[in-house]
């Protein structure tokens, strides 16, 4: 299969690219290389004759049309997005332009291409989204594919909008789409503005480890390579018009997650004195901070046969070790705004 992967130099996108090439798929990586997109993320497969790169922005419809014509993909895996909630609070415009307008442009370019191929039945447009579109859960319950949308941040609202566009293009034009909504990802190559890598790097540099509120917000954590496996399965075997929730069965409170990372670091890279937990600092909560996310992945497990393989304990240890082993990857990022410091205070 020949895959056009948008956002393939980002965190989740690069995991998809690496896994897809490793499994023998041809991959065209389309990425605008904004602050979070790095070609270093796909360096392990960059020399493969199955891999090619297009430096392009999904907001540019003409370029998208050319890329479809040049590469003739069998499927699109759409991961290109602005994805950091805190940044969406400070500057929502980029999220509207990329996540909504960019998705519209890609849908139209894909529809024109698919129509030109006599509406090939085996073509797929796979839209990758987030559980944040569902809003916030109480202490019990799980998000299913039938949970009503209730986004609470500019980021999640923009992703909800893109989900609705994708479904509309299926219902109105018959474009064969598949949607997936995932829980929080973590693992190697995670841009260090996000919680887990920020905790690791702040700890290693002796900086305060900020925890929003009392750290009681709950997330379901999904190891990124498990997610990439689910995404490839969905694009190959998912039913057109169907959506699939992808979760890790790994709910943890933020404070417990942070303390687990500190304990791993205490063992692997001990401080001169004390524990890394001494660096934990409670800060004012994020505006519109959802209390709990939890995914019910029954549909993808029963219909497509996928299950997560990495527990959060094993995944965190692997992730911490990766950051310890790869300072050349993260050191150039330490001066990027939002890395090690707080953004999105409203």
C-alpha atoms as a PDB file:
ATOM      1  CA  UNK A   1       0.000   0.000   0.000  1.00  0.00           C
ATOM      2  CA  UNK A   2       1.180   3.512  -0.805  1.00  0.00           C
ATOM      3  CA  UNK A   3       0.363   5.900   2.028  1.00  0.00           C
ATOM      4  CA  UNK A   4       0.278   9.696   2.031  1.00  0.00           C
ATOM      5  CA  UNK A   5       0.917  10.595   5.676  1.00  0.00           C
ATOM      6  CA  UNK A   6       0.316  14.229   6.609  1.00  0.00           C
ATOM      7  CA  UNK A   7       2.220  15.449   9.643  1.00  0.00           C
ATOM      8  CA  UNK A   8       4.642  12.573   9.281  1.00  0.00           C
ATOM      9  CA  UNK A   9       7.503  14.469  10.918  1.00  0.00           C
ATOM     10  CA  UNK A  10       5.529  15.001  14.113  1.00  0.00           C
ATOM     11  CA  UNK A  11       5.321  12.771  17.156  1.00  0.00           C
ATOM     12  CA  UNK A  12       2.533  10.339  16.224  1.00  0.00           C
ATOM     13  CA  UNK A  13       2.981  10.812  12.483  1.00  0.00           C
ATOM     14  CA  UNK A  14       6.637   9.836  12.584  1.00  0.00           C
ATOM     15  CA  UNK A  15       5.782   6.690  14.567  1.00  0.00           C
ATOM     16  CA  UNK A  16       3.329   5.787  11.791  1.00  0.00           C
ATOM     17  CA  UNK A  17       5.949   6.493   9.111  1.00  0.00           C
ATOM     18  CA  UNK A  18       8.620   4.405  10.820  1.00  0.00           C
ATOM     19  CA  UNK A  19       6.264   1.470  11.391  1.00  0.00           C
ATOM     20  CA  UNK A  20       4.708   1.615   7.917  1.00  0.00           C
ATOM     21  CA  UNK A  21       8.062   1.614   6.139  1.00  0.00           C
ATOM     22  CA  UNK A  22       9.231  -1.182   8.430  1.00  0.00           C
ATOM     23  CA  UNK A  23       6.240  -3.240   7.294  1.00  0.00           C
ATOM     24  CA  UNK A  24       6.966  -2.668   3.625  1.00  0.00           C
ATOM     25  CA  UNK A  25       4.522   0.102   2.773  1.00  0.00           C
ATOM     26  CA  UNK A  26       5.513   2.998   0.522  1.00  0.00           C
ATOM     27  CA  UNK A  27       5.185   6.253   2.446  1.00  0.00           C
ATOM     28  CA  UNK A  28       5.001   9.850   1.263  1.00  0.00           C
ATOM     29  CA  UNK A  29       5.560  12.100   4.267  1.00  0.00           C
ATOM     30  CA  UNK A  30       3.889  15.509   3.849  1.00  0.00           C
ATOM     31  CA  UNK A  31       4.871  17.961   6.570  1.00  0.00           C
ATOM     32  CA  UNK A  32       5.126  21.748   6.897  1.00  0.00           C
ATOM     33  CA  UNK A  33       7.967  21.363   9.438  1.00  0.00           C
ATOM     34  CA  UNK A  34       6.543  23.822  11.934  1.00  0.00           C
ATOM     35  CA  UNK A  35       8.171  24.029  15.371  1.00  0.00           C
ATOM     36  CA  UNK A  36       7.114  20.483  16.388  1.00  0.00           C
ATOM     37  CA  UNK A  37       7.870  18.741  13.080  1.00  0.00           C
ATOM     38  CA  UNK A  38      11.410  17.367  12.831  1.00  0.00           C
ATOM     39  CA  UNK A  39      12.964  15.263  10.115  1.00  0.00           C
ATOM     40  CA  UNK A  40      15.165  13.708  12.808  1.00  0.00           C
ATOM     41  CA  UNK A  41      12.029  11.830  13.856  1.00  0.00           C
ATOM     42  CA  UNK A  42      12.043   9.820  10.623  1.00  0.00           C
ATOM     43  CA  UNK A  43      15.814   9.503  10.264  1.00  0.00           C
ATOM     44  CA  UNK A  44      15.683   5.724  10.887  1.00  0.00           C
ATOM     45  CA  UNK A  45      13.790   5.223   7.584  1.00  0.00           C
ATOM     46  CA  UNK A  46      14.815   8.300   5.598  1.00  0.00           C
ATOM     47  CA  UNK A  47      17.233   6.353   3.369  1.00  0.00           C
ATOM     48  CA  UNK A  48      14.687   3.677   2.481  1.00  0.00           C
ATOM     49  CA  UNK A  49      13.555   3.496  -1.135  1.00  0.00           C
ATOM     50  CA  UNK A  50      10.027   3.175   0.285  1.00  0.00           C
ATOM     51  CA  UNK A  51      10.165   6.672   1.799  1.00  0.00           C
ATOM     52  CA  UNK A  52       9.814  10.114   0.237  1.00  0.00           C
ATOM     53  CA  UNK A  53       9.264  13.566   1.694  1.00  0.00           C
ATOM     54  CA  UNK A  54       7.165  16.552   0.596  1.00  0.00           C
ATOM     55  CA  UNK A  55       7.752  19.825   2.433  1.00  0.00           C
ATOM     56  CA  UNK A  56       4.243  21.239   2.143  1.00  0.00           C
ATOM     57  CA  UNK A  57       1.427  22.891   4.092  1.00  0.00           C
ATOM     58  CA  UNK A  58      -2.096  21.440   4.045  1.00  0.00           C
ATOM     59  CA  UNK A  59      -3.433  24.980   3.918  1.00  0.00           C
ATOM     60  CA  UNK A  60      -2.114  25.188   0.315  1.00  0.00           C
ATOM     61  CA  UNK A  61      -4.694  23.466  -1.887  1.00  0.00           C
ATOM     62  CA  UNK A  62      -2.710  23.764  -5.123  1.00  0.00           C
ATOM     63  CA  UNK A  63       0.292  22.001  -3.619  1.00  0.00           C
ATOM     64  CA  UNK A  64      -1.943  19.225  -2.293  1.00  0.00           C
ATOM     65  CA  UNK A  65      -3.387  18.665  -5.758  1.00  0.00           C
ATOM     66  CA  UNK A  66       0.111  18.371  -7.211  1.00  0.00           C
ATOM     67  CA  UNK A  67       1.199  15.916  -4.513  1.00  0.00           C
ATOM     68  CA  UNK A  68      -1.780  13.633  -5.176  1.00  0.00           C
ATOM     69  CA  UNK A  69      -1.078  13.710  -8.904  1.00  0.00           C
ATOM     70  CA  UNK A  70       2.632  13.038  -8.473  1.00  0.00           C
ATOM     71  CA  UNK A  71       2.438  10.246  -5.918  1.00  0.00           C
ATOM     72  CA  UNK A  72      -0.896   8.504  -6.603  1.00  0.00           C
ATOM     73  CA  UNK A  73      -1.448   7.214  -3.042  1.00  0.00           C
ATOM     74  CA  UNK A  74      -3.737   4.322  -2.137  1.00  0.00           C
ATOM     75  CA  UNK A  75      -4.682   5.957   1.145  1.00  0.00           C
ATOM     76  CA  UNK A  76      -4.310   9.164   3.133  1.00  0.00           C
ATOM     77  CA  UNK A  77      -3.476   9.124   6.825  1.00  0.00           C
ATOM     78  CA  UNK A  78      -4.215  12.633   8.050  1.00  0.00           C
ATOM     79  CA  UNK A  79      -2.253  13.488  11.190  1.00  0.00           C
ATOM     80  CA  UNK A  80      -1.138  17.051  10.396  1.00  0.00           C
ATOM     81  CA  UNK A  81      -2.535  19.289  13.125  1.00  0.00           C
ATOM     82  CA  UNK A  82      -1.773  21.888  15.709  1.00  0.00           C
ATOM     83  CA  UNK A  83      -2.173  19.818  18.854  1.00  0.00           C
ATOM     84  CA  UNK A  84      -1.055  21.578  22.033  1.00  0.00           C
ATOM     85  CA  UNK A  85      -3.977  22.726  24.200  1.00  0.00           C
ATOM     86  CA  UNK A  86      -1.959  25.400  26.005  1.00  0.00           C
ATOM     87  CA  UNK A  87      -0.817  26.955  22.720  1.00  0.00           C
ATOM     88  CA  UNK A  88      -4.425  26.948  21.478  1.00  0.00           C
ATOM     89  CA  UNK A  89      -5.395  29.087  24.468  1.00  0.00           C
ATOM     90  CA  UNK A  90      -2.733  31.675  23.614  1.00  0.00           C
ATOM     91  CA  UNK A  91      -3.205  31.612  19.840  1.00  0.00           C
ATOM     92  CA  UNK A  92      -6.327  29.840  18.537  1.00  0.00           C
ATOM     93  CA  UNK A  93      -5.995  31.200  15.002  1.00  0.00           C
ATOM     94  CA  UNK A  94      -3.338  28.697  13.919  1.00  0.00           C
ATOM     95  CA  UNK A  95      -5.557  25.858  15.151  1.00  0.00           C
ATOM     96  CA  UNK A  96      -8.536  27.083  13.138  1.00  0.00           C
ATOM     97  CA  UNK A  97      -6.478  27.520   9.977  1.00  0.00           C
ATOM     98  CA  UNK A  98      -4.598  24.229  10.120  1.00  0.00           C
ATOM     99  CA  UNK A  99      -7.049  21.860  11.773  1.00  0.00           C
ATOM    100  CA  UNK A 100     -10.217  23.074  10.065  1.00  0.00           C
ATOM    101  CA  UNK A 101      -9.256  24.844   6.831  1.00  0.00           C
ATOM    102  CA  UNK A 102      -6.308  22.512   6.263  1.00  0.00           C
ATOM    103  CA  UNK A 103      -8.528  19.451   6.687  1.00  0.00           C
ATOM    104  CA  UNK A 104     -11.068  20.931   4.274  1.00  0.00           C
ATOM    105  CA  UNK A 105      -8.343  21.480   1.669  1.00  0.00           C
ATOM    106  CA  UNK A 106      -7.072  17.931   2.090  1.00  0.00           C
ATOM    107  CA  UNK A 107     -10.568  16.474   1.820  1.00  0.00           C
ATOM    108  CA  UNK A 108     -11.207  18.382  -1.395  1.00  0.00           C
ATOM    109  CA  UNK A 109      -7.863  17.409  -2.900  1.00  0.00           C
ATOM    110  CA  UNK A 110      -8.494  13.783  -1.938  1.00  0.00           C
ATOM    111  CA  UNK A 111     -12.032  13.861  -3.330  1.00  0.00           C
ATOM    112  CA  UNK A 112     -10.852  15.245  -6.674  1.00  0.00           C
ATOM    113  CA  UNK A 113      -8.120  12.613  -6.855  1.00  0.00           C
ATOM    114  CA  UNK A 114     -10.496   9.791  -5.872  1.00  0.00           C
ATOM    115  CA  UNK A 115     -13.094  10.928  -8.409  1.00  0.00           C
ATOM    116  CA  UNK A 116     -10.411  10.983 -11.084  1.00  0.00           C
ATOM    117  CA  UNK A 117      -9.624   7.360 -10.238  1.00  0.00           C
ATOM    118  CA  UNK A 118     -13.261   6.405 -10.906  1.00  0.00           C
ATOM    119  CA  UNK A 119     -14.005   6.379  -7.186  1.00  0.00           C
ATOM    120  CA  UNK A 120     -11.768   3.438  -6.450  1.00  0.00           C
ATOM    121  CA  UNK A 121     -13.388   1.254  -3.807  1.00  0.00           C
ATOM    122  CA  UNK A 122     -10.114   0.487  -2.058  1.00  0.00           C
ATOM    123  CA  UNK A 123      -9.096   4.147  -1.526  1.00  0.00           C
ATOM    124  CA  UNK A 124      -9.217   5.372   2.061  1.00  0.00           C
ATOM    125  CA  UNK A 125      -9.056   8.758   3.783  1.00  0.00           C
ATOM    126  CA  UNK A 126      -8.098   8.079   7.399  1.00  0.00           C
ATOM    127  CA  UNK A 127      -8.596  11.024   9.731  1.00  0.00           C
ATOM    128  CA  UNK A 128      -6.766  10.780  13.058  1.00  0.00           C
ATOM    129  CA  UNK A 129      -8.343  12.724  15.928  1.00  0.00           C
ATOM    130  CA  UNK A 130      -8.446  12.916  19.715  1.00  0.00           C
ATOM    131  CA  UNK A 131     -10.640  11.889  22.647  1.00  0.00           C
ATOM    132  CA  UNK A 132     -10.672  15.544  23.711  1.00  0.00           C
ATOM    133  CA  UNK A 133     -13.532  16.195  21.273  1.00  0.00           C
ATOM    134  CA  UNK A 134     -15.812  14.391  23.744  1.00  0.00           C
ATOM    135  CA  UNK A 135     -15.205  16.858  26.550  1.00  0.00           C
ATOM    136  CA  UNK A 136     -14.820  15.775  30.162  1.00  0.00           C
ATOM    137  CA  UNK A 137     -15.904  12.670  32.067  1.00  0.00           C
ATOM    138  CA  UNK A 138     -16.871  12.369  35.712  1.00  0.00           C
ATOM    139  CA  UNK A 139     -15.355   9.779  38.005  1.00  0.00           C
ATOM    140  CA  UNK A 140     -16.976   6.905  36.099  1.00  0.00           C
ATOM    141  CA  UNK A 141     -17.824   6.042  32.518  1.00  0.00           C
ATOM    142  CA  UNK A 142     -15.903   5.782  29.259  1.00  0.00           C
ATOM    143  CA  UNK A 143     -15.929   7.587  25.922  1.00  0.00           C
ATOM    144  CA  UNK A 144     -17.455   5.450  23.173  1.00  0.00           C
ATOM    145  CA  UNK A 145     -17.838   6.217  19.486  1.00  0.00           C
ATOM    146  CA  UNK A 146     -21.411   7.337  20.255  1.00  0.00           C
ATOM    147  CA  UNK A 147     -20.470   9.836  22.984  1.00  0.00           C
ATOM    148  CA  UNK A 148     -21.764  13.324  22.046  1.00  0.00           C
ATOM    149  CA  UNK A 149     -19.109  15.873  21.199  1.00  0.00           C
ATOM    150  CA  UNK A 150     -18.496  18.515  23.862  1.00  0.00           C
ATOM    151  CA  UNK A 151     -15.104  20.190  23.222  1.00  0.00           C
ATOM    152  CA  UNK A 152     -13.806  22.586  25.869  1.00  0.00           C
ATOM    153  CA  UNK A 153     -10.664  24.180  24.388  1.00  0.00           C
ATOM    154  CA  UNK A 154      -9.843  25.886  21.075  1.00  0.00           C
ATOM    155  CA  UNK A 155      -7.744  22.824  20.216  1.00  0.00           C
ATOM    156  CA  UNK A 156     -10.459  20.262  20.857  1.00  0.00           C
ATOM    157  CA  UNK A 157     -13.082  22.458  19.171  1.00  0.00           C
ATOM    158  CA  UNK A 158     -10.931  22.670  16.034  1.00  0.00           C
ATOM    159  CA  UNK A 159     -10.451  18.880  16.014  1.00  0.00           C
ATOM    160  CA  UNK A 160     -14.174  18.330  16.553  1.00  0.00           C
ATOM    161  CA  UNK A 161     -14.840  20.593  13.584  1.00  0.00           C
ATOM    162  CA  UNK A 162     -12.454  18.606  11.408  1.00  0.00           C
ATOM    163  CA  UNK A 163     -14.127  15.343  12.477  1.00  0.00           C
ATOM    164  CA  UNK A 164     -17.499  16.727  11.402  1.00  0.00           C
ATOM    165  CA  UNK A 165     -16.081  17.780   8.031  1.00  0.00           C
ATOM    166  CA  UNK A 166     -14.686  14.302   7.410  1.00  0.00           C
ATOM    167  CA  UNK A 167     -18.023  12.666   8.236  1.00  0.00           C
ATOM    168  CA  UNK A 168     -19.852  15.151   6.012  1.00  0.00           C
ATOM    169  CA  UNK A 169     -17.586  14.303   3.063  1.00  0.00           C
ATOM    170  CA  UNK A 170     -18.507  10.635   3.551  1.00  0.00           C
ATOM    171  CA  UNK A 171     -22.243  11.272   3.828  1.00  0.00           C
ATOM    172  CA  UNK A 172     -22.440  13.891   1.067  1.00  0.00           C
ATOM    173  CA  UNK A 173     -19.853  12.754  -1.463  1.00  0.00           C
ATOM    174  CA  UNK A 174     -19.268   9.128  -0.534  1.00  0.00           C
ATOM    175  CA  UNK A 175     -15.562   9.673   0.081  1.00  0.00           C
ATOM    176  CA  UNK A 176     -14.432   6.449   1.827  1.00  0.00           C
ATOM    177  CA  UNK A 177     -13.289   7.787   5.176  1.00  0.00           C
ATOM    178  CA  UNK A 178     -12.242   6.129   8.421  1.00  0.00           C
ATOM    179  CA  UNK A 179     -11.904   8.060  11.692  1.00  0.00           C
ATOM    180  CA  UNK A 180     -10.000   7.248  14.862  1.00  0.00           C
ATOM    181  CA  UNK A 181     -10.031   9.116  18.171  1.00  0.00           C
ATOM    182  CA  UNK A 182      -7.156   8.350  20.512  1.00  0.00           C
ATOM    183  CA  UNK A 183      -6.286   8.890  24.145  1.00  0.00           C
ATOM    184  CA  UNK A 184      -3.098  10.662  25.292  1.00  0.00           C
ATOM    185  CA  UNK A 185       0.008   9.349  23.551  1.00  0.00           C
ATOM    186  CA  UNK A 186       3.526   9.153  24.946  1.00  0.00           C
ATOM    187  CA  UNK A 187       6.843   7.610  23.975  1.00  0.00           C
ATOM    188  CA  UNK A 188      10.025   8.352  21.996  1.00  0.00           C
ATOM    189  CA  UNK A 189      10.311  11.558  19.930  1.00  0.00           C
ATOM    190  CA  UNK A 190       7.569  13.302  21.964  1.00  0.00           C
ATOM    191  CA  UNK A 191       8.009  17.066  21.599  1.00  0.00           C
ATOM    192  CA  UNK A 192       8.965  18.368  25.059  1.00  0.00           C
ATOM    193  CA  UNK A 193       6.129  20.860  25.484  1.00  0.00           C
ATOM    194  CA  UNK A 194       3.862  17.953  26.480  1.00  0.00           C
ATOM    195  CA  UNK A 195       3.527  16.626  30.031  1.00  0.00           C
ATOM    196  CA  UNK A 196       5.668  13.483  30.078  1.00  0.00           C
ATOM    197  CA  UNK A 197       8.749  14.767  28.223  1.00  0.00           C
ATOM    198  CA  UNK A 198       8.495  18.104  30.051  1.00  0.00           C
ATOM    199  CA  UNK A 199       8.576  16.283  33.392  1.00  0.00           C
ATOM    200  CA  UNK A 200      11.583  14.223  32.299  1.00  0.00           C
ATOM    201  CA  UNK A 201      13.612  17.160  31.006  1.00  0.00           C
ATOM    202  CA  UNK A 202      12.706  19.571  33.796  1.00  0.00           C
ATOM    203  CA  UNK A 203      13.751  16.913  36.297  1.00  0.00           C
ATOM    204  CA  UNK A 204      17.051  16.267  34.569  1.00  0.00           C
ATOM    205  CA  UNK A 205      17.810  20.001  34.595  1.00  0.00           C
ATOM    206  CA  UNK A 206      16.809  20.504  38.234  1.00  0.00           C
ATOM    207  CA  UNK A 207      13.901  22.747  37.293  1.00  0.00           C
ATOM    208  CA  UNK A 208      10.511  22.875  38.964  1.00  0.00           C
ATOM    209  CA  UNK A 209       8.094  20.244  37.669  1.00  0.00           C
ATOM    210  CA  UNK A 210       4.775  22.098  37.248  1.00  0.00           C
ATOM    211  CA  UNK A 211       1.578  20.197  38.024  1.00  0.00           C
ATOM    212  CA  UNK A 212      -1.742  21.875  37.228  1.00  0.00           C
ATOM    213  CA  UNK A 213      -4.131  22.268  40.184  1.00  0.00           C
ATOM    214  CA  UNK A 214      -3.646  19.321  42.521  1.00  0.00           C
ATOM    215  CA  UNK A 215      -2.751  16.931  39.714  1.00  0.00           C
ATOM    216  CA  UNK A 216      -6.046  15.070  40.022  1.00  0.00           C
ATOM    217  CA  UNK A 217      -6.941  15.199  36.321  1.00  0.00           C
ATOM    218  CA  UNK A 218      -7.097  11.686  34.871  1.00  0.00           C
ATOM    219  CA  UNK A 219      -5.890  10.592  31.435  1.00  0.00           C
ATOM    220  CA  UNK A 220      -5.804   7.258  29.614  1.00  0.00           C
ATOM    221  CA  UNK A 221      -2.234   6.792  28.344  1.00  0.00           C
ATOM    222  CA  UNK A 222      -1.407   5.077  25.045  1.00  0.00           C
ATOM    223  CA  UNK A 223       2.142   4.176  24.005  1.00  0.00           C
ATOM    224  CA  UNK A 224       2.734   5.792  20.622  1.00  0.00           C
ATOM    225  CA  UNK A 225       3.949   2.637  18.892  1.00  0.00           C
ATOM    226  CA  UNK A 226       0.784   0.814  19.977  1.00  0.00           C
ATOM    227  CA  UNK A 227      -1.185   3.704  18.503  1.00  0.00           C
ATOM    228  CA  UNK A 228       0.721   3.542  15.209  1.00  0.00           C
ATOM    229  CA  UNK A 229      -0.109  -0.161  14.996  1.00  0.00           C
ATOM    230  CA  UNK A 230      -3.809   0.604  15.528  1.00  0.00           C
ATOM    231  CA  UNK A 231      -3.762   3.328  12.881  1.00  0.00           C
ATOM    232  CA  UNK A 232      -2.251   1.087  10.218  1.00  0.00           C
ATOM    233  CA  UNK A 233      -4.819  -1.563  11.048  1.00  0.00           C
ATOM    234  CA  UNK A 234      -7.651   0.966  10.764  1.00  0.00           C
ATOM    235  CA  UNK A 235      -6.551   2.276   7.380  1.00  0.00           C
ATOM    236  CA  UNK A 236      -6.153  -1.254   6.013  1.00  0.00           C
ATOM    237  CA  UNK A 237      -9.245  -2.924   7.501  1.00  0.00           C
ATOM    238  CA  UNK A 238     -11.534  -0.207   8.847  1.00  0.00           C
ATOM    239  CA  UNK A 239     -15.054   0.057   7.441  1.00  0.00           C
ATOM    240  CA  UNK A 240     -15.712   3.243   5.433  1.00  0.00           C
ATOM    241  CA  UNK A 241     -17.754   5.738   7.420  1.00  0.00           C
ATOM    242  CA  UNK A 242     -16.838   4.000  10.675  1.00  0.00           C
ATOM    243  CA  UNK A 243     -15.031   5.568  13.625  1.00  0.00           C
ATOM    244  CA  UNK A 244     -12.829   3.722  16.123  1.00  0.00           C
ATOM    245  CA  UNK A 245     -11.711   4.832  19.579  1.00  0.00           C
ATOM    246  CA  UNK A 246      -8.135   3.872  20.439  1.00  0.00           C
ATOM    247  CA  UNK A 247      -7.150   3.741  24.113  1.00  0.00           C
ATOM    248  CA  UNK A 248      -4.506   2.125  26.234  1.00  0.00           C
ATOM    249  CA  UNK A 249      -6.492   0.821  29.247  1.00  0.00           C
ATOM    250  CA  UNK A 250      -4.036   2.890  31.303  1.00  0.00           C
ATOM    251  CA  UNK A 251      -5.865   5.546  33.344  1.00  0.00           C
ATOM    252  CA  UNK A 252      -3.669   7.525  35.708  1.00  0.00           C
ATOM    253  CA  UNK A 253      -4.003  10.762  37.673  1.00  0.00           C
ATOM    254  CA  UNK A 254      -1.481  13.346  36.490  1.00  0.00           C
ATOM    255  CA  UNK A 255       0.190  13.541  39.896  1.00  0.00           C
ATOM    256  CA  UNK A 256       0.617   9.768  40.039  1.00  0.00           C
ATOM    257  CA  UNK A 257       2.087   9.754  36.550  1.00  0.00           C
ATOM    258  CA  UNK A 258       4.554  12.496  37.492  1.00  0.00           C
ATOM    259  CA  UNK A 259       5.610  10.655  40.632  1.00  0.00           C
ATOM    260  CA  UNK A 260       6.127   7.444  38.653  1.00  0.00           C
ATOM    261  CA  UNK A 261       8.441   9.268  36.251  1.00  0.00           C
ATOM    262  CA  UNK A 262      10.357  10.740  39.188  1.00  0.00           C
ATOM    263  CA  UNK A 263      10.750   7.276  40.724  1.00  0.00           C
ATOM    264  CA  UNK A 264      12.113   5.891  37.435  1.00  0.00           C
ATOM    265  CA  UNK A 265      14.594   8.759  37.232  1.00  0.00           C
ATOM    266  CA  UNK A 266      15.581   8.265  40.885  1.00  0.00           C
ATOM    267  CA  UNK A 267      16.640   4.766  39.909  1.00  0.00           C
ATOM    268  CA  UNK A 268      18.197   5.453  36.518  1.00  0.00           C
ATOM    269  CA  UNK A 269      19.806   8.867  37.095  1.00  0.00           C
ATOM    270  CA  UNK A 270      19.821   9.650  40.867  1.00  0.00           C
ATOM    271  CA  UNK A 271      20.136  13.248  42.052  1.00  0.00           C
ATOM    272  CA  UNK A 272      23.082  14.265  44.208  1.00  0.00           C
ATOM    273  CA  UNK A 273      20.627  14.536  47.105  1.00  0.00           C
ATOM    274  CA  UNK A 274      16.928  13.960  47.557  1.00  0.00           C
ATOM    275  CA  UNK A 275      14.350  12.744  45.071  1.00  0.00           C
ATOM    276  CA  UNK A 276      13.086  14.258  41.845  1.00  0.00           C
ATOM    277  CA  UNK A 277       9.694  14.483  43.548  1.00  0.00           C
ATOM    278  CA  UNK A 278      11.153  17.394  45.539  1.00  0.00           C
ATOM    279  CA  UNK A 279      10.903  19.437  42.320  1.00  0.00           C
ATOM    280  CA  UNK A 280       7.120  19.014  41.996  1.00  0.00           C
ATOM    281  CA  UNK A 281       5.351  22.379  42.177  1.00  0.00           C
ATOM    282  CA  UNK A 282       1.588  22.870  42.048  1.00  0.00           C
ATOM    283  CA  UNK A 283       0.529  25.728  39.752  1.00  0.00           C
ATOM    284  CA  UNK A 284      -2.782  27.372  38.838  1.00  0.00           C
ATOM    285  CA  UNK A 285      -4.957  25.082  36.769  1.00  0.00           C
ATOM    286  CA  UNK A 286      -5.299  25.460  33.013  1.00  0.00           C
ATOM    287  CA  UNK A 287      -8.446  27.290  31.802  1.00  0.00           C
ATOM    288  CA  UNK A 288     -11.101  24.788  30.715  1.00  0.00           C
ATOM    289  CA  UNK A 289      -9.054  21.835  31.983  1.00  0.00           C
ATOM    290  CA  UNK A 290     -11.036  18.605  31.444  1.00  0.00           C
ATOM    291  CA  UNK A 291     -11.244  16.468  34.586  1.00  0.00           C
ATOM    292  CA  UNK A 292     -10.996  13.001  33.102  1.00  0.00           C
ATOM    293  CA  UNK A 293     -10.627  11.204  29.786  1.00  0.00           C
ATOM    294  CA  UNK A 294     -11.086   7.465  29.407  1.00  0.00           C
ATOM    295  CA  UNK A 295     -11.536   5.517  26.182  1.00  0.00           C
ATOM    296  CA  UNK A 296     -13.584   2.386  25.547  1.00  0.00           C
ATOM    297  CA  UNK A 297     -11.679   0.697  22.678  1.00  0.00           C
ATOM    298  CA  UNK A 298     -14.066  -2.278  22.412  1.00  0.00           C
ATOM    299  CA  UNK A 299     -14.997  -1.578  18.789  1.00  0.00           C
ATOM    300  CA  UNK A 300     -11.446  -1.618  17.395  1.00  0.00           C
ATOM    301  CA  UNK A 301     -10.608  -4.618  19.583  1.00  0.00           C
ATOM    302  CA  UNK A 302     -13.596  -6.697  18.490  1.00  0.00           C
ATOM    303  CA  UNK A 303     -13.959  -5.588  14.861  1.00  0.00           C
ATOM    304  CA  UNK A 304     -10.299  -5.234  13.882  1.00  0.00           C
ATOM    305  CA  UNK A 305      -8.520  -7.380  16.484  1.00  0.00           C
ATOM    306  CA  UNK A 306      -6.279  -4.667  17.946  1.00  0.00           C
ATOM    307  CA  UNK A 307      -5.133  -4.534  21.552  1.00  0.00           C
ATOM    308  CA  UNK A 308      -2.502  -2.362  23.264  1.00  0.00           C
ATOM    309  CA  UNK A 309       0.657  -4.272  24.138  1.00  0.00           C
ATOM    310  CA  UNK A 310       2.492  -1.818  26.432  1.00  0.00           C
ATOM    311  CA  UNK A 311       1.432  -1.043  30.004  1.00  0.00           C
ATOM    312  CA  UNK A 312       1.990   2.475  31.268  1.00  0.00           C
ATOM    313  CA  UNK A 313       4.664   1.280  33.716  1.00  0.00           C
ATOM    314  CA  UNK A 314       6.667  -0.449  30.985  1.00  0.00           C
ATOM    315  CA  UNK A 315       6.038   2.379  28.521  1.00  0.00           C
ATOM    316  CA  UNK A 316       7.178   5.075  30.939  1.00  0.00           C
ATOM    317  CA  UNK A 317      10.385   3.212  31.704  1.00  0.00           C
ATOM    318  CA  UNK A 318      11.085   2.807  27.973  1.00  0.00           C
ATOM    319  CA  UNK A 319      10.293   6.485  27.393  1.00  0.00           C
ATOM    320  CA  UNK A 320      12.515   7.764  30.196  1.00  0.00           C
ATOM    321  CA  UNK A 321      15.362   5.580  28.964  1.00  0.00           C
ATOM    322  CA  UNK A 322      14.947   6.925  25.427  1.00  0.00           C
ATOM    323  CA  UNK A 323      15.305  10.518  26.637  1.00  0.00           C
ATOM    324  CA  UNK A 324      18.342   9.579  28.704  1.00  0.00           C
ATOM    325  CA  UNK A 325      19.898   7.910  25.658  1.00  0.00           C
ATOM    326  CA  UNK A 326      19.072  10.646  23.117  1.00  0.00           C
ATOM    327  CA  UNK A 327      20.133  14.078  24.407  1.00  0.00           C
ATOM    328  CA  UNK A 328      21.212  15.045  20.883  1.00  0.00           C
ATOM    329  CA  UNK A 329      17.561  14.912  19.868  1.00  0.00           C
ATOM    330  CA  UNK A 330      16.109  17.057  22.654  1.00  0.00           C
ATOM    331  CA  UNK A 331      18.887  19.487  23.535  1.00  0.00           C
ATOM    332  CA  UNK A 332      18.279  21.743  20.481  1.00  0.00           C
ATOM    333  CA  UNK A 333      14.632  22.087  21.573  1.00  0.00           C
ATOM    334  CA  UNK A 334      15.213  23.442  25.057  1.00  0.00           C
ATOM    335  CA  UNK A 335      15.003  27.089  23.993  1.00  0.00           C
ATOM    336  CA  UNK A 336      11.719  26.743  22.088  1.00  0.00           C
ATOM    337  CA  UNK A 337       8.886  28.725  23.697  1.00  0.00           C
ATOM    338  CA  UNK A 338       6.740  26.436  25.814  1.00  0.00           C
ATOM    339  CA  UNK A 339       9.517  23.917  26.450  1.00  0.00           C
ATOM    340  CA  UNK A 340      10.313  23.971  30.167  1.00  0.00           C
ATOM    341  CA  UNK A 341       8.105  27.044  30.700  1.00  0.00           C
ATOM    342  CA  UNK A 342       4.382  27.541  30.860  1.00  0.00           C
ATOM    343  CA  UNK A 343       2.151  28.846  28.072  1.00  0.00           C
ATOM    344  CA  UNK A 344      -1.640  29.034  27.818  1.00  0.00           C
ATOM    345  CA  UNK A 345      -2.615  30.780  31.036  1.00  0.00           C
ATOM    346  CA  UNK A 346      -5.581  32.466  29.390  1.00  0.00           C
END
